[in-house]
Amino acid sequence: MHNHSLFEFVGQFSSELFELACRIENQLLDQPLASLIQARLYSEQLVKIVSKEEGLEDIYPLKHSERIHKLYRQNAVEEDIYLKLEWIRKKGNKAAHDLKEVSIADVLQVHKFLFEISVWYMQVYVSYDFEAPIYKLPIKKAQETNPLGAENLEVLIKPYVDQTSKRWMRCGQRFSESWKL
């Protein structure tokens, strides 16, 4: 199950998060709704770890959204990490409360964001000299379910992921500009 997971390095700081990341990867294309919900859980658990490291909840516990905002306000997370955490939180909440079809582009974007957030955590809290593996779309399941072959699937999906990333970056810039007002 865990062979060749992009998230193998996560096991260095949390076996539970590593297990969850593997489940997300294994069902990413087959069960996108479940993947989004579990991605939200993953980010929530990671944010709890960061919050504990930063000593944010010594007095009273915070909700997930409050924890993210407080970490950002106290400069414990950079803006790009903050925006990714918020995006995952909102998409995961929507998936948990809305039975509508989930966009594969959203699921793939969530996977990439989880990877980037996990790499950030490794570099900031575990090992400053950590060298992240190169990000790749999770194609293990795609080979089993895609008659075109995994290579073709990556070629087909990459423009959509790139387009979503660009759209997200523009949204982040607008958010950043409105935040300063």
Protein backbone atom coordinates (compact mmCIF):
# COMPACT_ATOMS: atom_id res chain seq x y z
CA MET A 1 0.00 0.00 0.00
CA HIS A 2 2.77 2.43 0.88
CA ASN A 3 5.23 1.57 -1.82
CA HIS A 4 6.36 4.61 -3.74
CA SER A 5 4.23 7.15 -1.91
CA LEU A 6 5.16 10.75 -2.60
CA PHE A 7 4.53 11.37 1.11
CA GLU A 8 7.05 8.85 2.48
CA PHE A 9 8.96 11.65 4.21
CA VAL A 10 5.88 12.44 6.32
CA GLY A 11 6.53 9.22 8.23
CA GLN A 12 9.56 10.95 9.77
CA PHE A 13 7.28 13.15 11.88
CA SER A 14 3.89 11.37 11.95
CA SER A 15 3.01 7.79 11.11
CA GLU A 16 -0.70 8.68 11.36
CA LEU A 17 -0.39 11.45 8.77
CA PHE A 18 1.66 9.17 6.55
CA GLU A 19 -1.08 6.51 6.71
CA LEU A 20 -3.71 9.14 5.92
CA ALA A 21 -1.67 10.51 3.00
CA CYS A 22 -1.37 7.00 1.56
CA ARG A 23 -5.14 6.50 1.84
CA ILE A 24 -5.71 9.82 0.08
CA GLU A 25 -3.31 8.89 -2.72
CA ASN A 26 -4.81 5.42 -3.14
CA GLN A 27 -8.37 6.67 -3.55
CA LEU A 28 -7.67 10.04 -5.16
CA LEU A 29 -9.20 9.29 -8.56
CA ASP A 30 -11.62 6.55 -7.51
CA GLN A 31 -13.17 8.37 -4.54
CA PRO A 32 -12.54 12.10 -4.98
CA LEU A 33 -15.17 13.14 -2.42
CA ALA A 34 -13.58 10.99 0.29
CA SER A 35 -10.15 12.26 -0.73
CA LEU A 36 -11.19 15.89 -0.22
CA ILE A 37 -12.66 15.13 3.20
CA GLN A 38 -9.56 13.21 4.25
CA ALA A 39 -7.31 15.97 2.88
CA ARG A 40 -9.10 18.41 5.16
CA LEU A 41 -8.51 16.04 8.08
CA TYR A 42 -4.84 15.76 7.12
CA SER A 43 -4.40 19.53 7.04
CA GLU A 44 -6.27 19.89 10.33
CA GLN A 45 -3.97 17.39 12.04
CA LEU A 46 -0.86 19.02 10.59
CA VAL A 47 -2.05 22.47 11.71
CA LYS A 48 -2.63 21.06 15.22
CA ILE A 49 0.97 19.88 15.25
CA VAL A 50 2.20 23.33 14.16
CA SER A 51 -0.07 25.00 16.72
CA LYS A 52 1.37 22.82 19.47
CA GLU A 53 4.93 23.57 18.32
CA GLU A 54 4.12 27.30 18.41
CA GLY A 55 2.35 27.08 21.79
CA LEU A 56 -0.84 28.69 20.47
CA GLU A 57 -3.36 26.76 22.52
CA ASP A 58 -1.89 26.89 25.99
CA ILE A 59 -4.94 28.69 27.39
CA TYR A 60 -7.91 27.40 25.39
CA PRO A 61 -8.42 25.15 22.35
CA LEU A 62 -9.14 26.68 18.96
CA LYS A 63 -11.33 25.60 16.04
CA HIS A 64 -9.49 24.64 12.86
CA SER A 65 -10.27 27.91 11.07
CA GLU A 66 -9.24 29.93 14.13
CA ARG A 67 -6.01 27.97 14.41
CA ILE A 68 -5.11 28.66 10.77
CA HIS A 69 -5.88 32.37 11.09
CA LYS A 70 -3.96 32.71 14.34
CA LEU A 71 -0.90 30.96 12.92
CA TYR A 72 -1.00 33.35 9.98
CA ARG A 73 -1.52 36.46 12.10
CA GLN A 74 1.43 35.48 14.29
CA ASN A 75 3.63 34.86 11.24
CA ALA A 76 4.02 31.16 12.03
CA VAL A 77 2.88 30.37 8.47
CA GLU A 78 3.56 32.36 5.34
CA GLU A 79 0.74 33.70 3.21
CA ASP A 80 1.01 31.03 0.52
CA ILE A 81 0.77 28.24 3.13
CA TYR A 82 -2.12 30.05 4.81
CA LEU A 83 -4.02 30.32 1.51
CA LYS A 84 -3.45 26.64 0.74
CA LEU A 85 -4.65 25.60 4.20
CA GLU A 86 -7.76 27.74 3.79
CA TRP A 87 -8.43 26.34 0.32
CA ILE A 88 -8.16 22.76 1.57
CA ARG A 89 -10.34 23.54 4.61
CA LYS A 90 -13.08 25.09 2.49
CA LYS A 91 -13.03 22.38 -0.19
CA GLY A 92 -13.03 19.65 2.49
CA ASN A 93 -15.94 21.27 4.33
CA LYS A 94 -17.90 21.60 1.11
CA ALA A 95 -17.22 17.97 0.25
CA ALA A 96 -18.36 16.87 3.71
CA HIS A 97 -21.63 18.82 3.55
CA ASP A 98 -22.51 18.78 -0.14
CA LEU A 99 -23.28 15.61 -2.08
CA LYS A 100 -22.50 17.16 -5.47
CA GLU A 101 -19.87 15.78 -7.80
CA VAL A 102 -16.31 16.73 -6.95
CA SER A 103 -14.01 18.17 -9.58
CA ILE A 104 -11.00 15.98 -10.37
CA ALA A 105 -9.01 19.20 -10.84
CA ASP A 106 -9.85 20.16 -7.23
CA VAL A 107 -8.78 16.76 -5.94
CA LEU A 108 -5.48 16.92 -7.83
CA GLN A 109 -4.93 20.49 -6.60
CA VAL A 110 -5.58 19.39 -3.01
CA HIS A 111 -3.02 16.62 -3.42
CA LYS A 112 -0.43 19.09 -4.63
CA PHE A 113 -1.21 21.52 -1.81
CA LEU A 114 -0.93 18.76 0.81
CA PHE A 115 2.45 17.86 -0.62
CA GLU A 116 3.66 21.50 -0.57
CA ILE A 117 2.39 22.04 2.98
CA SER A 118 4.04 18.81 4.14
CA VAL A 119 7.34 19.84 2.53
CA TRP A 120 7.07 23.24 4.21
CA TYR A 121 6.53 21.56 7.59
CA MET A 122 9.51 19.25 7.06
CA GLN A 123 11.78 22.15 6.14
CA VAL A 124 10.65 24.47 8.94
CA TYR A 125 10.05 22.09 11.87
CA VAL A 126 11.91 18.86 11.17
CA SER A 127 15.03 19.44 9.06
CA TYR A 128 16.13 22.71 7.48
CA ASP A 129 18.21 20.84 4.92
CA PHE A 130 15.37 18.50 3.85
CA GLU A 131 15.30 18.10 0.08
CA ALA A 132 11.80 17.41 -1.13
CA PRO A 133 11.12 14.81 -3.76
CA ILE A 134 9.95 16.15 -7.10
CA TYR A 135 6.17 16.47 -7.14
CA LYS A 136 4.40 14.04 -9.45
CA LEU A 137 0.75 13.42 -10.05
CA PRO A 138 -0.36 10.27 -8.23
CA ILE A 139 -0.63 7.89 -11.17
CA LYS A 140 -0.55 4.50 -9.43
CA LYS A 141 -4.35 4.26 -9.36
CA ALA A 142 -4.60 5.94 -12.73
CA GLN A 143 -2.73 3.03 -14.34
CA GLU A 144 -5.29 0.62 -12.95
CA THR A 145 -8.34 2.66 -13.97
CA ASN A 146 -7.18 4.53 -17.08
CA PRO A 147 -7.28 2.64 -20.38
CA LEU A 148 -5.12 5.35 -22.01
CA GLY A 149 -2.17 4.59 -19.76
CA ALA A 150 -0.71 6.67 -16.94
CA GLU A 151 1.62 8.66 -19.16
CA ASN A 152 -1.26 9.86 -21.30
CA LEU A 153 -3.37 10.63 -18.23
CA GLU A 154 -0.68 12.92 -16.86
CA VAL A 155 -0.42 14.69 -20.22
CA LEU A 156 -4.20 15.08 -20.35
CA ILE A 157 -4.62 16.30 -16.76
CA LYS A 158 -1.56 18.54 -16.43
CA PRO A 159 -3.06 21.51 -18.36
CA TYR A 160 -6.10 21.47 -16.08
CA VAL A 161 -3.97 21.35 -12.94
CA ASP A 162 -1.77 24.17 -14.28
CA GLN A 163 -4.83 26.23 -15.17
CA THR A 164 -6.32 25.68 -11.71
CA SER A 165 -3.00 26.65 -10.11
CA LYS A 166 -2.89 29.88 -12.10
CA ARG A 167 -6.49 30.65 -11.17
CA TRP A 168 -5.70 29.95 -7.52
CA MET A 169 -2.66 32.24 -7.63
CA ARG A 170 -4.77 35.08 -9.08
CA CYS A 171 -7.34 34.49 -6.36
CA GLY A 172 -4.59 34.54 -3.74
CA GLN A 173 -3.30 37.84 -5.09
CA ARG A 174 -6.77 39.36 -4.91
CA PHE A 175 -7.20 38.00 -1.39
CA SER A 176 -3.82 39.41 -0.41
CA GLU A 177 -4.69 42.81 -1.84
CA SER A 178 -8.05 42.92 -0.05
CA TRP A 179 -6.41 41.76 3.21
CA LYS A 180 -4.14 44.82 3.16
CA LEU A 181 -7.07 47.23 2.84
